Amino acid sequence: VQQDERRGTYHALVQAKNLFEEGERFFVLYGSTIHAREDFQACLYHP
């Protein structure tokens, strides 16, 4: 998905809005920060 204007992280996510189904969850990750796989798993225990 292309973000033509650099207008922040929320604006970037909105560019992909139409790709998500109602009721489905999705991860969002900054592209230059490394996280642990355990932290992804911990998130999955919550809505």
ModelCIF file with pLDDT and N, C-alpha, C, O atoms, coordinates in Angstrom:
data_MODEL
#
_entry.id   MODEL 
#
_entity.id                         1 
_entity.type                       polymer 
_entity.pdbx_number_of_molecules   1 
#
_entity_poly.entity_id                      1 
_entity_poly.type                           'polypeptide(L)' 
_entity_poly.nstd_linkage                   no 
_entity_poly.nstd_monomer                   no 
_entity_poly.pdbx_seq_one_letter_code       VQQDERRGTYHALVQAKNLFEEGERFFVLYGSTIHAREDFQACLYHP 
_entity_poly.pdbx_seq_one_letter_code_can   VQQDERRGTYHALVQAKNLFEEGERFFVLYGSTIHAREDFQACLYHP 
_entity_poly.pdbx_strand_id                 A 
#
loop_
_entity_poly_seq.entity_id 
_entity_poly_seq.num 
_entity_poly_seq.mon_id 
_entity_poly_seq.hetero 
1 1  VAL n 
1 2  GLN n 
1 3  GLN n 
1 4  ASP n 
1 5  GLU n 
1 6  ARG n 
1 7  ARG n 
1 8  GLY n 
1 9  THR n 
1 10 TYR n 
1 11 HIS n 
1 12 ALA n 
1 13 LEU n 
1 14 VAL n 
1 15 GLN n 
1 16 ALA n 
1 17 LYS n 
1 18 ASN n 
1 19 LEU n 
1 20 PHE n 
1 21 GLU n 
1 22 GLU n 
1 23 GLY n 
1 24 GLU n 
1 25 ARG n 
1 26 PHE n 
1 27 PHE n 
1 28 VAL n 
1 29 LEU n 
1 30 TYR n 
1 31 GLY n 
1 32 SER n 
1 33 THR n 
1 34 ILE n 
1 35 HIS n 
1 36 ALA n 
1 37 ARG n 
1 38 GLU n 
1 39 ASP n 
1 40 PHE n 
1 41 GLN n 
1 42 ALA n 
1 43 CYS n 
1 44 LEU n 
1 45 TYR n 
1 46 HIS n 
1 47 PRO n 
#
_struct_asym.id          A 
_struct_asym.entity_id   1 
#
loop_
_ma_qa_metric.id 
_ma_qa_metric.mode 
_ma_qa_metric.name 
_ma_qa_metric.software_group_id 
_ma_qa_metric.type 
1 global pLDDT . pLDDT 
2 local  pLDDT . pLDDT 
#
_ma_qa_metric_global.metric_id      1 
_ma_qa_metric_global.metric_value   92.23 
_ma_qa_metric_global.model_id       1 
_ma_qa_metric_global.ordinal_id     1 
#
loop_
_ma_qa_metric_local.label_asym_id 
_ma_qa_metric_local.label_comp_id 
_ma_qa_metric_local.label_seq_id 
_ma_qa_metric_local.metric_id 
_ma_qa_metric_local.metric_value 
_ma_qa_metric_local.model_id 
_ma_qa_metric_local.ordinal_id 
A VAL 1  2 96.00 1 1  
A GLN 2  2 94.00 1 2  
A GLN 3  2 93.00 1 3  
A ASP 4  2 88.00 1 4  
A GLU 5  2 84.00 1 5  
A ARG 6  2 83.00 1 6  
A ARG 7  2 87.00 1 7  
A GLY 8  2 89.00 1 8  
A THR 9  2 93.00 1 9  
A TYR 10 2 93.00 1 10 
A HIS 11 2 94.00 1 11 
A ALA 12 2 94.00 1 12 
A LEU 13 2 96.00 1 13 
A VAL 14 2 95.00 1 14 
A GLN 15 2 95.00 1 15 
A ALA 16 2 95.00 1 16 
A LYS 17 2 94.00 1 17 
A ASN 18 2 94.00 1 18 
A LEU 19 2 95.00 1 19 
A PHE 20 2 93.00 1 20 
A GLU 21 2 88.00 1 21 
A GLU 22 2 89.00 1 22 
A GLY 23 2 88.00 1 23 
A GLU 24 2 93.00 1 24 
A ARG 25 2 96.00 1 25 
A PHE 26 2 97.00 1 26 
A PHE 27 2 97.00 1 27 
A VAL 28 2 97.00 1 28 
A LEU 29 2 95.00 1 29 
A TYR 30 2 93.00 1 30 
A GLY 31 2 90.00 1 31 
A SER 32 2 89.00 1 32 
A THR 33 2 90.00 1 33 
A ILE 34 2 88.00 1 34 
A HIS 35 2 89.00 1 35 
A ALA 36 2 85.00 1 36 
A ARG 37 2 86.00 1 37 
A GLU 38 2 89.00 1 38 
A ASP 39 2 92.00 1 39 
A PHE 40 2 94.00 1 40 
A GLN 41 2 93.00 1 41 
A ALA 42 2 94.00 1 42 
A CYS 43 2 95.00 1 43 
A LEU 44 2 95.00 1 44 
A TYR 45 2 96.00 1 45 
A HIS 46 2 96.00 1 46 
A PRO 47 2 96.00 1 47 
#
loop_
_atom_site.group_PDB 
_atom_site.id 
_atom_site.type_symbol 
_atom_site.label_atom_id 
_atom_site.label_alt_id 
_atom_site.label_comp_id 
_atom_site.label_asym_id 
_atom_site.label_entity_id 
_atom_site.label_seq_id 
_atom_site.pdbx_PDB_ins_code 
_atom_site.Cartn_x 
_atom_site.Cartn_y 
_atom_site.Cartn_z 
_atom_site.occupancy 
_atom_site.B_iso_or_equiv 
_atom_site.pdbx_formal_charge 
_atom_site.auth_seq_id 
_atom_site.auth_comp_id 
_atom_site.auth_asym_id 
_atom_site.auth_atom_id 
_atom_site.pdbx_PDB_model_num 
ATOM 1   N N  . VAL A 1 1  ? 0.862   -1.173  0.000  1.00 96.00 ? 1  VAL A N  1 
ATOM 2   C CA . VAL A 1 1  ? 0.000   0.000   0.000  1.00 96.00 ? 1  VAL A CA 1 
ATOM 3   C C  . VAL A 1 1  ? 0.900   1.226   0.000  1.00 96.00 ? 1  VAL A C  1 
ATOM 4   O O  . VAL A 1 1  ? 1.887   1.275   0.735  1.00 96.00 ? 1  VAL A O  1 
ATOM 5   N N  . GLN A 1 2  ? 0.568   2.204   -0.813 1.00 94.00 ? 2  GLN A N  1 
ATOM 6   C CA . GLN A 1 2  ? 1.401   3.396   -0.947 1.00 94.00 ? 2  GLN A CA 1 
ATOM 7   C C  . GLN A 1 2  ? 0.879   4.524   -0.057 1.00 94.00 ? 2  GLN A C  1 
ATOM 8   O O  . GLN A 1 2  ? -0.312  4.833   -0.069 1.00 94.00 ? 2  GLN A O  1 
ATOM 9   N N  . GLN A 1 3  ? 1.774   5.131   0.710  1.00 93.00 ? 3  GLN A N  1 
ATOM 10  C CA . GLN A 1 3  ? 1.473   6.364   1.432  1.00 93.00 ? 3  GLN A CA 1 
ATOM 11  C C  . GLN A 1 3  ? 2.219   7.489   0.724  1.00 93.00 ? 3  GLN A C  1 
ATOM 12  O O  . GLN A 1 3  ? 3.423   7.661   0.909  1.00 93.00 ? 3  GLN A O  1 
ATOM 13  N N  . ASP A 1 4  ? 1.503   8.237   -0.074 1.00 88.00 ? 4  ASP A N  1 
ATOM 14  C CA . ASP A 1 4  ? 2.145   9.265   -0.898 1.00 88.00 ? 4  ASP A CA 1 
ATOM 15  C C  . ASP A 1 4  ? 2.571   10.478  -0.087 1.00 88.00 ? 4  ASP A C  1 
ATOM 16  O O  . ASP A 1 4  ? 3.588   11.101  -0.389 1.00 88.00 ? 4  ASP A O  1 
ATOM 17  N N  . GLU A 1 5  ? 1.802   10.815  0.937  1.00 84.00 ? 5  GLU A N  1 
ATOM 18  C CA . GLU A 1 5  ? 2.140   11.930  1.812  1.00 84.00 ? 5  GLU A CA 1 
ATOM 19  C C  . GLU A 1 5  ? 2.584   11.381  3.151  1.00 84.00 ? 5  GLU A C  1 
ATOM 20  O O  . GLU A 1 5  ? 1.932   10.496  3.705  1.00 84.00 ? 5  GLU A O  1 
ATOM 21  N N  . ARG A 1 6  ? 3.690   11.896  3.684  1.00 83.00 ? 6  ARG A N  1 
ATOM 22  C CA . ARG A 1 6  ? 4.181   11.455  4.996  1.00 83.00 ? 6  ARG A CA 1 
ATOM 23  C C  . ARG A 1 6  ? 3.417   12.224  6.066  1.00 83.00 ? 6  ARG A C  1 
ATOM 24  O O  . ARG A 1 6  ? 3.823   13.310  6.481  1.00 83.00 ? 6  ARG A O  1 
ATOM 25  N N  . ARG A 1 7  ? 2.304   11.640  6.503  1.00 87.00 ? 7  ARG A N  1 
ATOM 26  C CA . ARG A 1 7  ? 1.454   12.362  7.454  1.00 87.00 ? 7  ARG A CA 1 
ATOM 27  C C  . ARG A 1 7  ? 1.228   11.557  8.720  1.00 87.00 ? 7  ARG A C  1 
ATOM 28  O O  . ARG A 1 7  ? 0.185   11.691  9.360  1.00 87.00 ? 7  ARG A O  1 
ATOM 29  N N  . GLY A 1 8  ? 2.202   10.712  9.096  1.00 89.00 ? 8  GLY A N  1 
ATOM 30  C CA . GLY A 1 8  ? 2.145   10.042  10.373 1.00 89.00 ? 8  GLY A CA 1 
ATOM 31  C C  . GLY A 1 8  ? 1.704   8.595   10.315 1.00 89.00 ? 8  GLY A C  1 
ATOM 32  O O  . GLY A 1 8  ? 1.271   8.090   9.279  1.00 89.00 ? 8  GLY A O  1 
ATOM 33  N N  . THR A 1 9  ? 1.829   7.936   11.474 1.00 93.00 ? 9  THR A N  1 
ATOM 34  C CA . THR A 1 9  ? 1.570   6.500   11.547 1.00 93.00 ? 9  THR A CA 1 
ATOM 35  C C  . THR A 1 9  ? 0.094   6.154   11.394 1.00 93.00 ? 9  THR A C  1 
ATOM 36  O O  . THR A 1 9  ? -0.244  5.143   10.778 1.00 93.00 ? 9  THR A O  1 
ATOM 37  N N  . TYR A 1 10 ? -0.789  6.984   11.948 1.00 93.00 ? 10 TYR A N  1 
ATOM 38  C CA . TYR A 1 10 ? -2.213  6.698   11.776 1.00 93.00 ? 10 TYR A CA 1 
ATOM 39  C C  . TYR A 1 10 ? -2.612  6.880   10.317 1.00 93.00 ? 10 TYR A C  1 
ATOM 40  O O  . TYR A 1 10 ? -3.335  6.052   9.764  1.00 93.00 ? 10 TYR A O  1 
ATOM 41  N N  . HIS A 1 11 ? -2.159  7.930   9.708  1.00 94.00 ? 11 HIS A N  1 
ATOM 42  C CA . HIS A 1 11 ? -2.442  8.167   8.298  1.00 94.00 ? 11 HIS A CA 1 
ATOM 43  C C  . HIS A 1 11 ? -1.918  7.007   7.447  1.00 94.00 ? 11 HIS A C  1 
ATOM 44  O O  . HIS A 1 11 ? -2.571  6.599   6.486  1.00 94.00 ? 11 HIS A O  1 
ATOM 45  N N  . ALA A 1 12 ? -0.755  6.482   7.792  1.00 94.00 ? 12 ALA A N  1 
ATOM 46  C CA . ALA A 1 12 ? -0.199  5.340   7.054  1.00 94.00 ? 12 ALA A CA 1 
ATOM 47  C C  . ALA A 1 12 ? -1.103  4.124   7.170  1.00 94.00 ? 12 ALA A C  1 
ATOM 48  O O  . ALA A 1 12 ? -1.367  3.451   6.173  1.00 94.00 ? 12 ALA A O  1 
ATOM 49  N N  . LEU A 1 13 ? -1.582  3.834   8.376  1.00 96.00 ? 13 LEU A N  1 
ATOM 50  C CA . LEU A 1 13 ? -2.447  2.677   8.570  1.00 96.00 ? 13 LEU A CA 1 
ATOM 51  C C  . LEU A 1 13 ? -3.762  2.829   7.812  1.00 96.00 ? 13 LEU A C  1 
ATOM 52  O O  . LEU A 1 13 ? -4.270  1.858   7.251  1.00 96.00 ? 13 LEU A O  1 
ATOM 53  N N  . VAL A 1 14 ? -4.308  4.023   7.791  1.00 95.00 ? 14 VAL A N  1 
ATOM 54  C CA . VAL A 1 14 ? -5.579  4.255   7.102  1.00 95.00 ? 14 VAL A CA 1 
ATOM 55  C C  . VAL A 1 14 ? -5.480  3.915   5.612  1.00 95.00 ? 14 VAL A C  1 
ATOM 56  O O  . VAL A 1 14 ? -6.477  3.545   4.992  1.00 95.00 ? 14 VAL A O  1 
ATOM 57  N N  . GLN A 1 15 ? -4.288  4.038   5.040  1.00 95.00 ? 15 GLN A N  1 
ATOM 58  C CA . GLN A 1 15 ? -4.131  3.708   3.625  1.00 95.00 ? 15 GLN A CA 1 
ATOM 59  C C  . GLN A 1 15 ? -4.446  2.234   3.353  1.00 95.00 ? 15 GLN A C  1 
ATOM 60  O O  . GLN A 1 15 ? -4.781  1.868   2.227  1.00 95.00 ? 15 GLN A O  1 
ATOM 61  N N  . ALA A 1 16 ? -4.338  1.392   4.379  1.00 95.00 ? 16 ALA A N  1 
ATOM 62  C CA . ALA A 1 16 ? -4.614  -0.046  4.234  1.00 95.00 ? 16 ALA A CA 1 
ATOM 63  C C  . ALA A 1 16 ? -5.989  -0.440  4.764  1.00 95.00 ? 16 ALA A C  1 
ATOM 64  O O  . ALA A 1 16 ? -6.300  -1.627  4.854  1.00 95.00 ? 16 ALA A O  1 
ATOM 65  N N  . LYS A 1 17 ? -6.801  0.530   5.109  1.00 94.00 ? 17 LYS A N  1 
ATOM 66  C CA . LYS A 1 17 ? -8.081  0.282   5.783  1.00 94.00 ? 17 LYS A CA 1 
ATOM 67  C C  . LYS A 1 17 ? -8.945  -0.738  5.062  1.00 94.00 ? 17 LYS A C  1 
ATOM 68  O O  . LYS A 1 17 ? -9.556  -1.582  5.718  1.00 94.00 ? 17 LYS A O  1 
ATOM 69  N N  . ASN A 1 18 ? -9.019  -0.695  3.749  1.00 94.00 ? 18 ASN A N  1 
ATOM 70  C CA . ASN A 1 18 ? -9.927  -1.554  2.995  1.00 94.00 ? 18 ASN A CA 1 
ATOM 71  C C  . ASN A 1 18 ? -9.459  -3.005  2.902  1.00 94.00 ? 18 ASN A C  1 
ATOM 72  O O  . ASN A 1 18 ? -10.162 -3.843  2.337  1.00 94.00 ? 18 ASN A O  1 
ATOM 73  N N  . LEU A 1 19 ? -8.295  -3.308  3.442  1.00 95.00 ? 19 LEU A N  1 
ATOM 74  C CA . LEU A 1 19 ? -7.770  -4.667  3.354  1.00 95.00 ? 19 LEU A CA 1 
ATOM 75  C C  . LEU A 1 19 ? -8.135  -5.531  4.555  1.00 95.00 ? 19 LEU A C  1 
ATOM 76  O O  . LEU A 1 19 ? -7.785  -6.711  4.594  1.00 95.00 ? 19 LEU A O  1 
ATOM 77  N N  . PHE A 1 20 ? -8.836  -4.958  5.541  1.00 93.00 ? 20 PHE A N  1 
ATOM 78  C CA . PHE A 1 20 ? -9.150  -5.688  6.768  1.00 93.00 ? 20 PHE A CA 1 
ATOM 79  C C  . PHE A 1 20 ? -10.626 -6.042  6.815  1.00 93.00 ? 20 PHE A C  1 
ATOM 80  O O  . PHE A 1 20 ? -11.486 -5.221  6.493  1.00 93.00 ? 20 PHE A O  1 
ATOM 81  N N  . GLU A 1 21 ? -10.910 -7.273  7.220  1.00 88.00 ? 21 GLU A N  1 
ATOM 82  C CA . GLU A 1 21 ? -12.283 -7.753  7.337  1.00 88.00 ? 21 GLU A CA 1 
ATOM 83  C C  . GLU A 1 21 ? -12.870 -7.362  8.685  1.00 88.00 ? 21 GLU A C  1 
ATOM 84  O O  . GLU A 1 21 ? -12.149 -7.244  9.676  1.00 88.00 ? 21 GLU A O  1 
ATOM 85  N N  . GLU A 1 22 ? -14.177 -7.163  8.715  1.00 89.00 ? 22 GLU A N  1 
ATOM 86  C CA . GLU A 1 22 ? -14.878 -6.863  9.967  1.00 89.00 ? 22 GLU A CA 1 
ATOM 87  C C  . GLU A 1 22 ? -14.713 -8.024  10.941 1.00 89.00 ? 22 GLU A C  1 
ATOM 88  O O  . GLU A 1 22 ? -14.893 -9.183  10.568 1.00 89.00 ? 22 GLU A O  1 
ATOM 89  N N  . GLY A 1 23 ? -14.373 -7.714  12.178 1.00 88.00 ? 23 GLY A N  1 
ATOM 90  C CA . GLY A 1 23 ? -14.228 -8.727  13.204 1.00 88.00 ? 23 GLY A CA 1 
ATOM 91  C C  . GLY A 1 23 ? -12.857 -9.371  13.268 1.00 88.00 ? 23 GLY A C  1 
ATOM 92  O O  . GLY A 1 23 ? -12.571 -10.109 14.211 1.00 88.00 ? 23 GLY A O  1 
ATOM 93  N N  . GLU A 1 24 ? -12.004 -9.111  12.294 1.00 93.00 ? 24 GLU A N  1 
ATOM 94  C CA . GLU A 1 24 ? -10.657 -9.675  12.293 1.00 93.00 ? 24 GLU A CA 1 
ATOM 95  C C  . GLU A 1 24 ? -9.678  -8.737  12.996 1.00 93.00 ? 24 GLU A C  1 
ATOM 96  O O  . GLU A 1 24 ? -9.802  -7.515  12.926 1.00 93.00 ? 24 GLU A O  1 
ATOM 97  N N  . ARG A 1 25 ? -8.703  -9.341  13.672 1.00 96.00 ? 25 ARG A N  1 
ATOM 98  C CA . ARG A 1 25 ? -7.643  -8.551  14.288 1.00 96.00 ? 25 ARG A CA 1 
ATOM 99  C C  . ARG A 1 25 ? -6.412  -8.546  13.396 1.00 96.00 ? 25 ARG A C  1 
ATOM 100 O O  . ARG A 1 25 ? -6.229  -9.434  12.564 1.00 96.00 ? 25 ARG A O  1 
ATOM 101 N N  . PHE A 1 26 ? -5.575  -7.539  13.580 1.00 97.00 ? 26 PHE A N  1 
ATOM 102 C CA . PHE A 1 26 ? -4.350  -7.457  12.786 1.00 97.00 ? 26 PHE A CA 1 
ATOM 103 C C  . PHE A 1 26 ? -3.272  -6.758  13.601 1.00 97.00 ? 26 PHE A C  1 
ATOM 104 O O  . PHE A 1 26 ? -3.552  -5.864  14.400 1.00 97.00 ? 26 PHE A O  1 
ATOM 105 N N  . PHE A 1 27 ? -2.037  -7.186  13.382 1.00 97.00 ? 27 PHE A N  1 
ATOM 106 C CA . PHE A 1 27 ? -0.896  -6.529  14.014 1.00 97.00 ? 27 PHE A CA 1 
ATOM 107 C C  . PHE A 1 27 ? -0.468  -5.324  13.188 1.00 97.00 ? 27 PHE A C  1 
ATOM 108 O O  . PHE A 1 27 ? -0.577  -5.320  11.962 1.00 97.00 ? 27 PHE A O  1 
ATOM 109 N N  . VAL A 1 28 ? 0.019   -4.306  13.880 1.00 97.00 ? 28 VAL A N  1 
ATOM 110 C CA . VAL A 1 28 ? 0.641   -3.155  13.240 1.00 97.00 ? 28 VAL A CA 1 
ATOM 111 C C  . VAL A 1 28 ? 2.021   -2.979  13.869 1.00 97.00 ? 28 VAL A C  1 
ATOM 112 O O  . VAL A 1 28 ? 2.165   -2.992  15.091 1.00 97.00 ? 28 VAL A O  1 
ATOM 113 N N  . LEU A 1 29 ? 3.017   -2.816  13.028 1.00 95.00 ? 29 LEU A N  1 
ATOM 114 C CA . LEU A 1 29 ? 4.394   -2.805  13.504 1.00 95.00 ? 29 LEU A CA 1 
ATOM 115 C C  . LEU A 1 29 ? 5.169   -1.694  12.817 1.00 95.00 ? 29 LEU A C  1 
ATOM 116 O O  . LEU A 1 29 ? 5.114   -1.549  11.596 1.00 95.00 ? 29 LEU A O  1 
ATOM 117 N N  . TYR A 1 30 ? 5.894   -0.907  13.611 1.00 93.00 ? 30 TYR A N  1 
ATOM 118 C CA . TYR A 1 30 ? 6.800   0.067   13.022 1.00 93.00 ? 30 TYR A CA 1 
ATOM 119 C C  . TYR A 1 30 ? 7.921   -0.681  12.290 1.00 93.00 ? 30 TYR A C  1 
ATOM 120 O O  . TYR A 1 30 ? 8.447   -1.674  12.794 1.00 93.00 ? 30 TYR A O  1 
ATOM 121 N N  . GLY A 1 31 ? 8.275   -0.198  11.110 1.00 90.00 ? 31 GLY A N  1 
ATOM 122 C CA . GLY A 1 31 ? 9.187   -0.944  10.259 1.00 90.00 ? 31 GLY A CA 1 
ATOM 123 C C  . GLY A 1 31 ? 10.644  -0.893  10.635 1.00 90.00 ? 31 GLY A C  1 
ATOM 124 O O  . GLY A 1 31 ? 11.473  -1.493  9.950  1.00 90.00 ? 31 GLY A O  1 
ATOM 125 N N  . SER A 1 32 ? 10.989  -0.190  11.710 1.00 89.00 ? 32 SER A N  1 
ATOM 126 C CA . SER A 1 32 ? 12.398  -0.111  12.106 1.00 89.00 ? 32 SER A CA 1 
ATOM 127 C C  . SER A 1 32 ? 12.598  -0.428  13.588 1.00 89.00 ? 32 SER A C  1 
ATOM 128 O O  . SER A 1 32 ? 13.592  -0.015  14.185 1.00 89.00 ? 32 SER A O  1 
ATOM 129 N N  . THR A 1 33 ? 11.659  -1.157  14.175 1.00 90.00 ? 33 THR A N  1 
ATOM 130 C CA . THR A 1 33 ? 11.783  -1.540  15.578 1.00 90.00 ? 33 THR A CA 1 
ATOM 131 C C  . THR A 1 33 ? 11.645  -3.054  15.705 1.00 90.00 ? 33 THR A C  1 
ATOM 132 O O  . THR A 1 33 ? 10.673  -3.638  15.225 1.00 90.00 ? 33 THR A O  1 
ATOM 133 N N  . ILE A 1 34 ? 12.615  -3.679  16.350 1.00 88.00 ? 34 ILE A N  1 
ATOM 134 C CA . ILE A 1 34 ? 12.608  -5.131  16.536 1.00 88.00 ? 34 ILE A CA 1 
ATOM 135 C C  . ILE A 1 34 ? 11.939  -5.449  17.868 1.00 88.00 ? 34 ILE A C  1 
ATOM 136 O O  . ILE A 1 34 ? 12.302  -4.892  18.903 1.00 88.00 ? 34 ILE A O  1 
ATOM 137 N N  . HIS A 1 35 ? 10.963  -6.347  17.833 1.00 89.00 ? 35 HIS A N  1 
ATOM 138 C CA . HIS A 1 35 ? 10.297  -6.834  19.036 1.00 89.00 ? 35 HIS A CA 1 
ATOM 139 C C  . HIS A 1 35 ? 10.482  -8.342  19.167 1.00 89.00 ? 35 HIS A C  1 
ATOM 140 O O  . HIS A 1 35 ? 10.871  -9.020  18.217 1.00 89.00 ? 35 HIS A O  1 
ATOM 141 N N  . ALA A 1 36 ? 10.198  -8.844  20.345 1.00 85.00 ? 36 ALA A N  1 
ATOM 142 C CA . ALA A 1 36 ? 10.318  -10.283 20.589 1.00 85.00 ? 36 ALA A CA 1 
ATOM 143 C C  . ALA A 1 36 ? 9.054   -11.011 20.160 1.00 85.00 ? 36 ALA A C  1 
ATOM 144 O O  . ALA A 1 36 ? 7.947   -10.488 20.287 1.00 85.00 ? 36 ALA A O  1 
ATOM 145 N N  . ARG A 1 37 ? 9.235   -12.221 19.653 1.00 86.00 ? 37 ARG A N  1 
ATOM 146 C CA . ARG A 1 37 ? 8.079   -13.028 19.274 1.00 86.00 ? 37 ARG A CA 1 
ATOM 147 C C  . ARG A 1 37 ? 7.164   -13.269 20.488 1.00 86.00 ? 37 ARG A C  1 
ATOM 148 O O  . ARG A 1 37 ? 5.944   -13.333 20.342 1.00 86.00 ? 37 ARG A O  1 
ATOM 149 N N  . GLU A 1 38 ? 7.752   -13.402 21.675 1.00 89.00 ? 38 GLU A N  1 
ATOM 150 C CA . GLU A 1 38 ? 6.934   -13.588 22.875 1.00 89.00 ? 38 GLU A CA 1 
ATOM 151 C C  . GLU A 1 38 ? 5.965   -12.441 23.097 1.00 89.00 ? 38 GLU A C  1 
ATOM 152 O O  . GLU A 1 38 ? 4.874   -12.644 23.628 1.00 89.00 ? 38 GLU A O  1 
ATOM 153 N N  . ASP A 1 39 ? 6.348   -11.254 22.702 1.00 92.00 ? 39 ASP A N  1 
ATOM 154 C CA . ASP A 1 39 ? 5.481   -10.091 22.892 1.00 92.00 ? 39 ASP A CA 1 
ATOM 155 C C  . ASP A 1 39 ? 4.296   -10.122 21.927 1.00 92.00 ? 39 ASP A C  1 
ATOM 156 O O  . ASP A 1 39 ? 3.196   -9.699  22.283 1.00 92.00 ? 39 ASP A O  1 
ATOM 157 N N  . PHE A 1 40 ? 4.513   -10.620 20.715 1.00 94.00 ? 40 PHE A N  1 
ATOM 158 C CA . PHE A 1 40 ? 3.386   -10.817 19.803 1.00 94.00 ? 40 PHE A CA 1 
ATOM 159 C C  . PHE A 1 40 ? 2.400   -11.816 20.406 1.00 94.00 ? 40 PHE A C  1 
ATOM 160 O O  . PHE A 1 40 ? 1.187   -11.607 20.383 1.00 94.00 ? 40 PHE A O  1 
ATOM 161 N N  . GLN A 1 41 ? 2.941   -12.893 20.940 1.00 93.00 ? 41 GLN A N  1 
ATOM 162 C CA . GLN A 1 41 ? 2.081   -13.922 21.526 1.00 93.00 ? 41 GLN A CA 1 
ATOM 163 C C  . GLN A 1 41 ? 1.307   -13.380 22.716 1.00 93.00 ? 41 GLN A C  1 
ATOM 164 O O  . GLN A 1 41 ? 0.135   -13.711 22.894 1.00 93.00 ? 41 GLN A O  1 
ATOM 165 N N  . ALA A 1 42 ? 1.944   -12.555 23.529 1.00 94.00 ? 42 ALA A N  1 
ATOM 166 C CA . ALA A 1 42 ? 1.261   -11.976 24.688 1.00 94.00 ? 42 ALA A CA 1 
ATOM 167 C C  . ALA A 1 42 ? 0.089   -11.103 24.257 1.00 94.00 ? 42 ALA A C  1 
ATOM 168 O O  . ALA A 1 42 ? -0.950  -11.086 24.918 1.00 94.00 ? 42 ALA A O  1 
ATOM 169 N N  . CYS A 1 43 ? 0.249   -10.384 23.159 1.00 95.00 ? 43 CYS A N  1 
ATOM 170 C CA . CYS A 1 43 ? -0.829  -9.532  22.658 1.00 95.00 ? 43 CYS A CA 1 
ATOM 171 C C  . CYS A 1 43 ? -2.053  -10.359 22.273 1.00 95.00 ? 43 CYS A C  1 
ATOM 172 O O  . CYS A 1 43 ? -3.185  -9.903  22.434 1.00 95.00 ? 43 CYS A O  1 
ATOM 173 N N  . LEU A 1 44 ? -1.833  -11.562 21.771 1.00 95.00 ? 44 LEU A N  1 
ATOM 174 C CA . LEU A 1 44 ? -2.936  -12.377 21.260 1.00 95.00 ? 44 LEU A CA 1 
ATOM 175 C C  . LEU A 1 44 ? -3.915  -12.805 22.341 1.00 95.00 ? 44 LEU A C  1 
ATOM 176 O O  . LEU A 1 44 ? -5.020  -13.248 22.026 1.00 95.00 ? 44 LEU A O  1 
ATOM 177 N N  . TYR A 1 45 ? -3.536  -12.682 23.605 1.00 96.00 ? 45 TYR A N  1 
ATOM 178 C CA . TYR A 1 45 ? -4.445  -13.032 24.703 1.00 96.00 ? 45 TYR A CA 1 
ATOM 179 C C  . TYR A 1 45 ? -5.491  -11.944 24.958 1.00 96.00 ? 45 TYR A C  1 
ATOM 180 O O  . TYR A 1 45 ? -6.364  -12.116 25.808 1.00 96.00 ? 45 TYR A O  1 
ATOM 181 N N  . HIS A 1 46 ? -5.411  -10.843 24.239 1.00 96.00 ? 46 HIS A N  1 
ATOM 182 C CA . HIS A 1 46 ? -6.315  -9.718  24.457 1.00 96.00 ? 46 HIS A CA 1 
ATOM 183 C C  . HIS A 1 46 ? -6.985  -9.322  23.139 1.00 96.00 ? 46 HIS A C  1 
ATOM 184 O O  . HIS A 1 46 ? -6.408  -9.529  22.072 1.00 96.00 ? 46 HIS A O  1 
ATOM 185 N N  . PRO A 1 47 ? -8.188  -8.759  23.200 1.00 96.00 ? 47 PRO A N  1 
ATOM 186 C CA . PRO A 1 47 ? -8.848  -8.325  21.969 1.00 96.00 ? 47 PRO A CA 1 
ATOM 187 C C  . PRO A 1 47 ? -8.051  -7.273  21.209 1.00 96.00 ? 47 PRO A C  1 
ATOM 188 O O  . PRO A 1 47 ? -8.485  -6.813  20.153 1.00 96.00 ? 47 PRO A O  1 
#
